[in-house]
Amino acid sequence: MIPYPQFDPVIISLGPVSVRWYGMMYLLGFAIGYFLIRHLVRLRNVPLDKDGISDLLFSTVIGVIIGGRLGYVLFYNLPYYLENPLQIPAVWEGGMSFHGGLLGVVVAAVLFCYRRSLPVLLTGDVLVTAAAPGIGLGRIGNFINGELWGRTTDVPWAMVFPGAGPEPRHPSQLYEAFLEGAVLFTILYLLQRRKAPHGVPFFTFFALYGLFRFLVEYFRQPDAHLGFLWVNATMGQLLSLPMILLGLAGIWYCQRRQGAGR
């Protein structure tokens, strides 16, 4: 067993204002995403200038916040929020869904592309590639916060997380950071460098994220108020299956469309 490092979740406090590691991970993810978008826009010849990139990033940030919160409300704790509707906007109290945030980003990006007459799939390729490092950093933020821990285990690298009881558990946040961040970004970036057909990186993101999340859920402790659902699957797995199917269908469509255009 490896001792869990005792992180102070607060980096620095200035009077009533506290800067936390979790928020810093998100800010760092958005900063990296911005510079990656600038690089990928040049690489793939997307007609966006600096101001356009800033506007696109702002739109997707709004999509993440609204979609992530509504996704959590609908997928993870709907009965509570039906009884307490005034708590729905309280994002500062925690409760965000990745799958909801992804839907929010897709909606925001599609609307942005139509307003600017941009190619939707190519713009989507750029966005998902730039988003992968931020996803990995977000999982590292979960690890620092000691939240979303894994299931109990006896593997040599197990950890005892504060608030999770005395049992050693999988550091599943780090599994996700590696797969959903480092591995996913590497694959998507290689597809971009090789000038994959428009839409292939976008749908590859759906397929691989869904697969990685589905697999890691076998090591991650399900939400206490949900537990195991249909055929002992977790909510994360049930939400990831449509992503995998959509991703595979989209890759097939994009490859077929390129072949038909030759």
C-alpha atoms as a PDB file:
ATOM      1  CA  MET A   1       0.000   0.000   0.000  1.00  0.00           C
ATOM      2  CA  ILE A   2       1.161   3.533  -0.823  1.00  0.00           C
ATOM      3  CA  PRO A   3       0.392   6.348   1.658  1.00  0.00           C
ATOM      4  CA  TYR A   4      -2.009   8.918   0.261  1.00  0.00           C
ATOM      5  CA  PRO A   5      -0.146  12.261   0.073  1.00  0.00           C
ATOM      6  CA  GLN A   6      -1.767  14.755   2.419  1.00  0.00           C
ATOM      7  CA  PHE A   7      -2.456  17.646   0.078  1.00  0.00           C
ATOM      8  CA  ASP A   8      -3.674  20.987   1.306  1.00  0.00           C
ATOM      9  CA  PRO A   9      -6.497  21.674  -1.166  1.00  0.00           C
ATOM     10  CA  VAL A  10      -5.828  25.406  -0.803  1.00  0.00           C
ATOM     11  CA  ILE A  11      -2.742  26.729  -2.595  1.00  0.00           C
ATOM     12  CA  ILE A  12      -2.873  30.194  -1.068  1.00  0.00           C
ATOM     13  CA  SER A  13      -5.350  32.297   0.880  1.00  0.00           C
ATOM     14  CA  LEU A  14      -5.591  36.057   0.542  1.00  0.00           C
ATOM     15  CA  GLY A  15      -8.097  37.177   3.134  1.00  0.00           C
ATOM     16  CA  PRO A  16     -11.497  35.703   2.243  1.00  0.00           C
ATOM     17  CA  VAL A  17     -10.244  34.542  -1.176  1.00  0.00           C
ATOM     18  CA  SER A  18      -8.727  31.070  -1.480  1.00  0.00           C
ATOM     19  CA  VAL A  19      -7.005  29.615  -4.533  1.00  0.00           C
ATOM     20  CA  ARG A  20      -7.564  25.854  -4.637  1.00  0.00           C
ATOM     21  CA  TRP A  21      -5.681  23.170  -6.512  1.00  0.00           C
ATOM     22  CA  TYR A  22      -8.890  21.867  -8.080  1.00  0.00           C
ATOM     23  CA  GLY A  23      -9.746  25.225  -9.607  1.00  0.00           C
ATOM     24  CA  MET A  24      -6.122  25.725 -10.630  1.00  0.00           C
ATOM     25  CA  MET A  25      -6.225  22.442 -12.578  1.00  0.00           C
ATOM     26  CA  TYR A  26      -9.218  23.687 -14.538  1.00  0.00           C
ATOM     27  CA  LEU A  27      -7.622  27.057 -15.233  1.00  0.00           C
ATOM     28  CA  LEU A  28      -4.447  25.318 -16.384  1.00  0.00           C
ATOM     29  CA  GLY A  29      -6.507  23.026 -18.588  1.00  0.00           C
ATOM     30  CA  PHE A  30      -8.253  25.982 -20.251  1.00  0.00           C
ATOM     31  CA  ALA A  31      -4.903  27.763 -20.764  1.00  0.00           C
ATOM     32  CA  ILE A  32      -3.341  24.688 -22.377  1.00  0.00           C
ATOM     33  CA  GLY A  33      -6.494  24.247 -24.449  1.00  0.00           C
ATOM     34  CA  TYR A  34      -6.264  27.796 -25.750  1.00  0.00           C
ATOM     35  CA  PHE A  35      -2.695  27.395 -26.998  1.00  0.00           C
ATOM     36  CA  LEU A  36      -3.447  23.964 -28.440  1.00  0.00           C
ATOM     37  CA  ILE A  37      -6.420  25.381 -30.337  1.00  0.00           C
ATOM     38  CA  ARG A  38      -4.182  28.112 -31.786  1.00  0.00           C
ATOM     39  CA  HIS A  39      -1.678  25.472 -32.883  1.00  0.00           C
ATOM     40  CA  LEU A  40      -4.277  23.091 -34.307  1.00  0.00           C
ATOM     41  CA  VAL A  41      -6.149  25.849 -36.140  1.00  0.00           C
ATOM     42  CA  ARG A  42      -2.945  26.566 -38.071  1.00  0.00           C
ATOM     43  CA  LEU A  43      -2.190  22.874 -38.552  1.00  0.00           C
ATOM     44  CA  ARG A  44      -5.640  22.046 -39.960  1.00  0.00           C
ATOM     45  CA  ASN A  45      -6.279  25.389 -41.712  1.00  0.00           C
ATOM     46  CA  VAL A  46      -9.396  26.310 -39.749  1.00  0.00           C
ATOM     47  CA  PRO A  47     -10.426  29.902 -40.638  1.00  0.00           C
ATOM     48  CA  LEU A  48     -10.229  31.349 -37.102  1.00  0.00           C
ATOM     49  CA  ASP A  49      -8.188  34.320 -35.895  1.00  0.00           C
ATOM     50  CA  LYS A  50      -7.119  35.006 -32.286  1.00  0.00           C
ATOM     51  CA  ASP A  51     -10.356  36.791 -31.430  1.00  0.00           C
ATOM     52  CA  GLY A  52     -12.365  33.955 -32.943  1.00  0.00           C
ATOM     53  CA  ILE A  53     -10.426  31.394 -30.894  1.00  0.00           C
ATOM     54  CA  SER A  54     -11.100  33.363 -27.705  1.00  0.00           C
ATOM     55  CA  ASP A  55     -14.808  33.547 -28.558  1.00  0.00           C
ATOM     56  CA  LEU A  56     -14.903  29.823 -29.298  1.00  0.00           C
ATOM     57  CA  LEU A  57     -13.194  28.969 -26.021  1.00  0.00           C
ATOM     58  CA  PHE A  58     -15.551  31.255 -24.082  1.00  0.00           C
ATOM     59  CA  SER A  59     -18.572  29.589 -25.708  1.00  0.00           C
ATOM     60  CA  THR A  60     -17.319  26.120 -24.819  1.00  0.00           C
ATOM     61  CA  VAL A  61     -16.577  27.135 -21.221  1.00  0.00           C
ATOM     62  CA  ILE A  62     -20.192  28.276 -20.864  1.00  0.00           C
ATOM     63  CA  GLY A  63     -21.304  25.001 -22.471  1.00  0.00           C
ATOM     64  CA  VAL A  64     -19.203  22.986 -19.998  1.00  0.00           C
ATOM     65  CA  ILE A  65     -20.651  24.772 -16.979  1.00  0.00           C
ATOM     66  CA  ILE A  66     -24.308  24.669 -18.046  1.00  0.00           C
ATOM     67  CA  GLY A  67     -24.182  21.190 -19.560  1.00  0.00           C
ATOM     68  CA  GLY A  68     -22.101  19.731 -16.756  1.00  0.00           C
ATOM     69  CA  ARG A  69     -24.452  21.022 -14.087  1.00  0.00           C
ATOM     70  CA  LEU A  70     -27.661  20.036 -15.884  1.00  0.00           C
ATOM     71  CA  GLY A  71     -26.169  16.627 -16.658  1.00  0.00           C
ATOM     72  CA  TYR A  72     -25.430  16.048 -12.983  1.00  0.00           C
ATOM     73  CA  VAL A  73     -28.935  17.152 -12.020  1.00  0.00           C
ATOM     74  CA  LEU A  74     -30.617  14.892 -14.596  1.00  0.00           C
ATOM     75  CA  PHE A  75     -28.350  11.842 -14.513  1.00  0.00           C
ATOM     76  CA  TYR A  76     -27.138  11.641 -10.943  1.00  0.00           C
ATOM     77  CA  ASN A  77     -29.500  13.321  -8.447  1.00  0.00           C
ATOM     78  CA  LEU A  78     -32.786  14.298 -10.103  1.00  0.00           C
ATOM     79  CA  PRO A  79     -35.115  13.487  -7.125  1.00  0.00           C
ATOM     80  CA  TYR A  80     -33.116  15.773  -4.823  1.00  0.00           C
ATOM     81  CA  TYR A  81     -33.153  18.697  -7.253  1.00  0.00           C
ATOM     82  CA  LEU A  82     -36.847  18.273  -7.991  1.00  0.00           C
ATOM     83  CA  GLU A  83     -37.418  18.838  -4.279  1.00  0.00           C
ATOM     84  CA  ASN A  84     -34.799  21.611  -4.093  1.00  0.00           C
ATOM     85  CA  PRO A  85     -34.892  23.435  -7.460  1.00  0.00           C
ATOM     86  CA  LEU A  86     -33.144  26.524  -6.065  1.00  0.00           C
ATOM     87  CA  GLN A  87     -30.027  24.365  -5.579  1.00  0.00           C
ATOM     88  CA  ILE A  88     -29.691  23.626  -9.302  1.00  0.00           C
ATOM     89  CA  PRO A  89     -27.532  26.709 -10.071  1.00  0.00           C
ATOM     90  CA  ALA A  90     -25.297  26.124  -7.002  1.00  0.00           C
ATOM     91  CA  VAL A  91     -22.300  24.802  -8.947  1.00  0.00           C
ATOM     92  CA  TRP A  92     -19.953  26.080  -6.228  1.00  0.00           C
ATOM     93  CA  GLU A  93     -21.275  23.335  -3.943  1.00  0.00           C
ATOM     94  CA  GLY A  94     -20.045  20.630  -6.340  1.00  0.00           C
ATOM     95  CA  GLY A  95     -21.809  18.273  -8.694  1.00  0.00           C
ATOM     96  CA  MET A  96     -20.791  18.275 -12.369  1.00  0.00           C
ATOM     97  CA  SER A  97     -21.254  15.554 -14.974  1.00  0.00           C
ATOM     98  CA  PHE A  98     -18.632  15.003 -17.658  1.00  0.00           C
ATOM     99  CA  HIS A  99     -21.175  13.558 -20.078  1.00  0.00           C
ATOM    100  CA  GLY A 100     -23.479  16.530 -19.552  1.00  0.00           C
ATOM    101  CA  GLY A 101     -20.568  18.929 -19.961  1.00  0.00           C
ATOM    102  CA  LEU A 102     -19.636  17.227 -23.226  1.00  0.00           C
ATOM    103  CA  LEU A 103     -23.164  17.645 -24.568  1.00  0.00           C
ATOM    104  CA  GLY A 104     -23.054  21.298 -23.527  1.00  0.00           C
ATOM    105  CA  VAL A 105     -19.789  21.825 -25.401  1.00  0.00           C
ATOM    106  CA  VAL A 106     -21.138  20.127 -28.532  1.00  0.00           C
ATOM    107  CA  VAL A 107     -24.237  22.331 -28.556  1.00  0.00           C
ATOM    108  CA  ALA A 108     -22.208  25.500 -27.920  1.00  0.00           C
ATOM    109  CA  ALA A 109     -19.634  24.609 -30.597  1.00  0.00           C
ATOM    110  CA  VAL A 110     -22.251  23.740 -33.237  1.00  0.00           C
ATOM    111  CA  LEU A 111     -24.054  27.046 -32.658  1.00  0.00           C
ATOM    112  CA  PHE A 112     -20.733  28.899 -32.839  1.00  0.00           C
ATOM    113  CA  CYS A 113     -19.788  27.180 -36.091  1.00  0.00           C
ATOM    114  CA  TYR A 114     -23.107  28.017 -37.720  1.00  0.00           C
ATOM    115  CA  ARG A 115     -22.810  31.672 -36.701  1.00  0.00           C
ATOM    116  CA  ARG A 116     -19.257  31.874 -38.083  1.00  0.00           C
ATOM    117  CA  SER A 117     -19.828  29.544 -41.090  1.00  0.00           C
ATOM    118  CA  LEU A 118     -17.088  27.198 -39.868  1.00  0.00           C
ATOM    119  CA  PRO A 119     -16.746  23.502 -40.769  1.00  0.00           C
ATOM    120  CA  VAL A 120     -18.417  21.744 -37.832  1.00  0.00           C
ATOM    121  CA  LEU A 121     -16.525  18.448 -37.880  1.00  0.00           C
ATOM    122  CA  LEU A 122     -13.108  20.010 -38.413  1.00  0.00           C
ATOM    123  CA  THR A 123     -13.732  22.486 -35.602  1.00  0.00           C
ATOM    124  CA  GLY A 124     -14.872  19.580 -33.443  1.00  0.00           C
ATOM    125  CA  ASP A 125     -11.611  17.754 -34.228  1.00  0.00           C
ATOM    126  CA  VAL A 126      -9.658  20.723 -32.902  1.00  0.00           C
ATOM    127  CA  LEU A 127     -11.772  21.123 -29.765  1.00  0.00           C
ATOM    128  CA  VAL A 128     -11.661  17.510 -28.571  1.00  0.00           C
ATOM    129  CA  THR A 129      -7.903  17.301 -29.103  1.00  0.00           C
ATOM    130  CA  ALA A 130      -7.345  20.487 -27.120  1.00  0.00           C
ATOM    131  CA  ALA A 131      -9.729  19.318 -24.383  1.00  0.00           C
ATOM    132  CA  ALA A 132      -7.956  16.040 -23.554  1.00  0.00           C
ATOM    133  CA  PRO A 133      -5.131  17.533 -21.413  1.00  0.00           C
ATOM    134  CA  GLY A 134      -7.707  19.482 -19.410  1.00  0.00           C
ATOM    135  CA  ILE A 135      -9.667  16.303 -18.747  1.00  0.00           C
ATOM    136  CA  GLY A 136      -6.524  14.657 -17.402  1.00  0.00           C
ATOM    137  CA  LEU A 137      -5.736  17.667 -15.223  1.00  0.00           C
ATOM    138  CA  GLY A 138      -9.290  17.638 -13.872  1.00  0.00           C
ATOM    139  CA  ARG A 139      -8.804  14.035 -12.732  1.00  0.00           C
ATOM    140  CA  ILE A 140      -5.572  15.025 -11.015  1.00  0.00           C
ATOM    141  CA  GLY A 141      -7.625  17.712  -9.274  1.00  0.00           C
ATOM    142  CA  ASN A 142     -10.036  15.003  -8.107  1.00  0.00           C
ATOM    143  CA  PHE A 143      -7.071  13.052  -6.715  1.00  0.00           C
ATOM    144  CA  ILE A 144      -5.710  16.090  -4.853  1.00  0.00           C
ATOM    145  CA  ASN A 145      -9.169  16.700  -3.416  1.00  0.00           C
ATOM    146  CA  GLY A 146      -9.365  13.061  -2.288  1.00  0.00           C
ATOM    147  CA  GLU A 147     -12.694  12.552  -4.094  1.00  0.00           C
ATOM    148  CA  LEU A 148     -14.129  10.091  -6.627  1.00  0.00           C
ATOM    149  CA  TRP A 149     -11.890   7.387  -5.194  1.00  0.00           C
ATOM    150  CA  GLY A 150     -11.747   3.779  -6.336  1.00  0.00           C
ATOM    151  CA  ARG A 151     -13.111   0.504  -5.024  1.00  0.00           C
ATOM    152  CA  THR A 152     -11.425  -1.427  -2.241  1.00  0.00           C
ATOM    153  CA  THR A 153      -8.463  -3.535  -3.350  1.00  0.00           C
ATOM    154  CA  ASP A 154      -5.264  -5.227  -2.190  1.00  0.00           C
ATOM    155  CA  VAL A 155      -3.026  -4.127  -5.091  1.00  0.00           C
ATOM    156  CA  PRO A 156       0.399  -2.836  -3.960  1.00  0.00           C
ATOM    157  CA  TRP A 157      -0.366   0.736  -5.096  1.00  0.00           C
ATOM    158  CA  ALA A 158      -3.671   0.992  -3.180  1.00  0.00           C
ATOM    159  CA  MET A 159      -4.263   4.060  -1.001  1.00  0.00           C
ATOM    160  CA  VAL A 160      -6.422   4.953   1.975  1.00  0.00           C
ATOM    161  CA  PHE A 161      -8.329   8.104   1.043  1.00  0.00           C
ATOM    162  CA  PRO A 162      -9.491  10.590   3.705  1.00  0.00           C
ATOM    163  CA  GLY A 163     -13.235  10.260   4.167  1.00  0.00           C
ATOM    164  CA  ALA A 164     -13.404   6.886   2.397  1.00  0.00           C
ATOM    165  CA  GLY A 165     -12.935   4.683   5.445  1.00  0.00           C
ATOM    166  CA  PRO A 166      -9.912   2.617   6.507  1.00  0.00           C
ATOM    167  CA  GLU A 167      -9.891   0.276   3.488  1.00  0.00           C
ATOM    168  CA  PRO A 168      -7.197   0.677   0.812  1.00  0.00           C
ATOM    169  CA  ARG A 169      -8.639   1.641  -2.562  1.00  0.00           C
ATOM    170  CA  HIS A 170      -7.699   1.993  -6.212  1.00  0.00           C
ATOM    171  CA  PRO A 171      -6.417   5.498  -7.074  1.00  0.00           C
ATOM    172  CA  SER A 172      -8.874   5.422  -9.971  1.00  0.00           C
ATOM    173  CA  GLN A 173      -8.559   9.194 -10.500  1.00  0.00           C
ATOM    174  CA  LEU A 174      -4.969   8.596 -11.664  1.00  0.00           C
ATOM    175  CA  TYR A 175      -6.072   5.773 -13.972  1.00  0.00           C
ATOM    176  CA  GLU A 176      -8.502   8.203 -15.583  1.00  0.00           C
ATOM    177  CA  ALA A 177      -5.940  11.004 -15.750  1.00  0.00           C
ATOM    178  CA  PHE A 178      -3.572   8.714 -17.648  1.00  0.00           C
ATOM    179  CA  LEU A 179      -6.103   7.179 -20.051  1.00  0.00           C
ATOM    180  CA  GLU A 180      -8.513  10.084 -20.589  1.00  0.00           C
ATOM    181  CA  GLY A 181      -5.742  12.686 -20.555  1.00  0.00           C
ATOM    182  CA  ALA A 182      -2.316  11.506 -21.712  1.00  0.00           C
ATOM    183  CA  VAL A 183      -3.253   8.483 -23.851  1.00  0.00           C
ATOM    184  CA  LEU A 184      -6.312  10.067 -25.428  1.00  0.00           C
ATOM    185  CA  PHE A 185      -4.461  13.299 -26.272  1.00  0.00           C
ATOM    186  CA  THR A 186      -1.538  11.393 -27.828  1.00  0.00           C
ATOM    187  CA  ILE A 187      -3.843   9.404 -30.115  1.00  0.00           C
ATOM    188  CA  LEU A 188      -5.902  12.422 -31.149  1.00  0.00           C
ATOM    189  CA  TYR A 189      -2.834  14.563 -31.800  1.00  0.00           C
ATOM    190  CA  LEU A 190      -1.278  11.858 -33.970  1.00  0.00           C
ATOM    191  CA  LEU A 191      -4.498  11.737 -35.999  1.00  0.00           C
ATOM    192  CA  GLN A 192      -4.282  15.510 -36.439  1.00  0.00           C
ATOM    193  CA  ARG A 193      -0.636  15.351 -37.545  1.00  0.00           C
ATOM    194  CA  ARG A 194      -1.545  12.713 -40.102  1.00  0.00           C
ATOM    195  CA  LYS A 195      -4.389  14.883 -41.418  1.00  0.00           C
ATOM    196  CA  ALA A 196      -7.098  12.356 -40.653  1.00  0.00           C
ATOM    197  CA  PRO A 197     -10.413  12.872 -42.492  1.00  0.00           C
ATOM    198  CA  HIS A 198     -12.570  15.592 -40.983  1.00  0.00           C
ATOM    199  CA  GLY A 199     -14.555  14.204 -38.072  1.00  0.00           C
ATOM    200  CA  VAL A 200     -12.359  11.158 -37.409  1.00  0.00           C
ATOM    201  CA  PRO A 201     -10.540  12.705 -34.391  1.00  0.00           C
ATOM    202  CA  PHE A 202     -13.877  14.030 -33.102  1.00  0.00           C
ATOM    203  CA  PHE A 203     -15.585  10.654 -33.183  1.00  0.00           C
ATOM    204  CA  THR A 204     -12.416   8.869 -32.027  1.00  0.00           C
ATOM    205  CA  PHE A 205     -12.628  11.023 -28.911  1.00  0.00           C
ATOM    206  CA  PHE A 206     -16.168   9.769 -28.258  1.00  0.00           C
ATOM    207  CA  ALA A 207     -15.244   6.131 -28.844  1.00  0.00           C
ATOM    208  CA  LEU A 208     -12.031   6.125 -26.796  1.00  0.00           C
ATOM    209  CA  TYR A 209     -13.225   8.287 -23.934  1.00  0.00           C
ATOM    210  CA  GLY A 210     -16.317   6.108 -23.648  1.00  0.00           C
ATOM    211  CA  LEU A 211     -14.170   2.955 -23.687  1.00  0.00           C
ATOM    212  CA  PHE A 212     -11.638   4.267 -21.160  1.00  0.00           C
ATOM    213  CA  ARG A 213     -14.355   5.538 -18.825  1.00  0.00           C
ATOM    214  CA  PHE A 214     -16.292   2.269 -19.127  1.00  0.00           C
ATOM    215  CA  LEU A 215     -13.204   0.253 -18.162  1.00  0.00           C
ATOM    216  CA  VAL A 216     -12.078   2.507 -15.299  1.00  0.00           C
ATOM    217  CA  GLU A 217     -15.575   2.360 -13.793  1.00  0.00           C
ATOM    218  CA  TYR A 218     -14.760  -1.252 -12.823  1.00  0.00           C
ATOM    219  CA  PHE A 219     -12.161   0.218 -10.427  1.00  0.00           C
ATOM    220  CA  ARG A 220     -14.037   3.371  -9.369  1.00  0.00           C
ATOM    221  CA  GLN A 221     -16.465   3.446  -6.462  1.00  0.00           C
ATOM    222  CA  PRO A 222     -19.963   4.236  -7.763  1.00  0.00           C
ATOM    223  CA  ASP A 223     -21.887   7.167  -6.338  1.00  0.00           C
ATOM    224  CA  ALA A 224     -23.271   6.204  -2.935  1.00  0.00           C
ATOM    225  CA  HIS A 225     -26.805   7.407  -3.694  1.00  0.00           C
ATOM    226  CA  LEU A 226     -26.899   5.487  -6.997  1.00  0.00           C
ATOM    227  CA  GLY A 227     -24.822   2.355  -6.459  1.00  0.00           C
ATOM    228  CA  PHE A 228     -24.993  -0.282  -9.173  1.00  0.00           C
ATOM    229  CA  LEU A 229     -27.760  -0.015 -11.712  1.00  0.00           C
ATOM    230  CA  TRP A 230     -28.906  -2.159 -14.623  1.00  0.00           C
ATOM    231  CA  VAL A 231     -26.929  -5.481 -14.855  1.00  0.00           C
ATOM    232  CA  ASN A 232     -24.608  -4.157 -12.105  1.00  0.00           C
ATOM    233  CA  ALA A 233     -23.358  -1.338 -14.323  1.00  0.00           C
ATOM    234  CA  THR A 234     -22.625   2.120 -12.931  1.00  0.00           C
ATOM    235  CA  MET A 235     -24.182   5.306 -14.213  1.00  0.00           C
ATOM    236  CA  GLY A 236     -20.815   6.220 -15.753  1.00  0.00           C
ATOM    237  CA  GLN A 237     -20.808   2.971 -17.736  1.00  0.00           C
ATOM    238  CA  LEU A 238     -24.397   3.370 -18.920  1.00  0.00           C
ATOM    239  CA  LEU A 239     -23.643   6.891 -20.126  1.00  0.00           C
ATOM    240  CA  SER A 240     -20.405   5.772 -21.807  1.00  0.00           C
ATOM    241  CA  LEU A 241     -21.953   3.024 -23.931  1.00  0.00           C
ATOM    242  CA  PRO A 242     -23.795   5.464 -26.255  1.00  0.00           C
ATOM    243  CA  MET A 243     -20.539   7.408 -26.608  1.00  0.00           C
ATOM    244  CA  ILE A 244     -18.711   4.296 -27.804  1.00  0.00           C
ATOM    245  CA  LEU A 245     -21.446   3.413 -30.310  1.00  0.00           C
ATOM    246  CA  LEU A 246     -21.723   6.989 -31.595  1.00  0.00           C
ATOM    247  CA  GLY A 247     -17.949   7.217 -31.930  1.00  0.00           C
ATOM    248  CA  LEU A 248     -17.634   3.994 -33.906  1.00  0.00           C
ATOM    249  CA  ALA A 249     -20.546   4.917 -36.191  1.00  0.00           C
ATOM    250  CA  GLY A 250     -19.087   8.393 -36.744  1.00  0.00           C
ATOM    251  CA  ILE A 251     -15.619   7.052 -37.613  1.00  0.00           C
ATOM    252  CA  TRP A 252     -17.176   4.645 -40.119  1.00  0.00           C
ATOM    253  CA  TYR A 253     -19.232   7.470 -41.657  1.00  0.00           C
ATOM    254  CA  CYS A 254     -16.268   9.850 -41.982  1.00  0.00           C
ATOM    255  CA  GLN A 255     -13.999   7.190 -43.501  1.00  0.00           C
ATOM    256  CA  ARG A 256     -16.757   6.107 -45.903  1.00  0.00           C
ATOM    257  CA  ARG A 257     -17.448   9.705 -46.921  1.00  0.00           C
ATOM    258  CA  GLN A 258     -13.768  10.301 -47.685  1.00  0.00           C
ATOM    259  CA  GLY A 259     -13.615   7.091 -49.714  1.00  0.00           C
ATOM    260  CA  ALA A 260     -16.688   8.103 -51.697  1.00  0.00           C
ATOM    261  CA  GLY A 261     -15.154  11.491 -52.448  1.00  0.00           C
ATOM    262  CA  ARG A 262     -12.037  10.097 -54.069  1.00  0.00           C
END
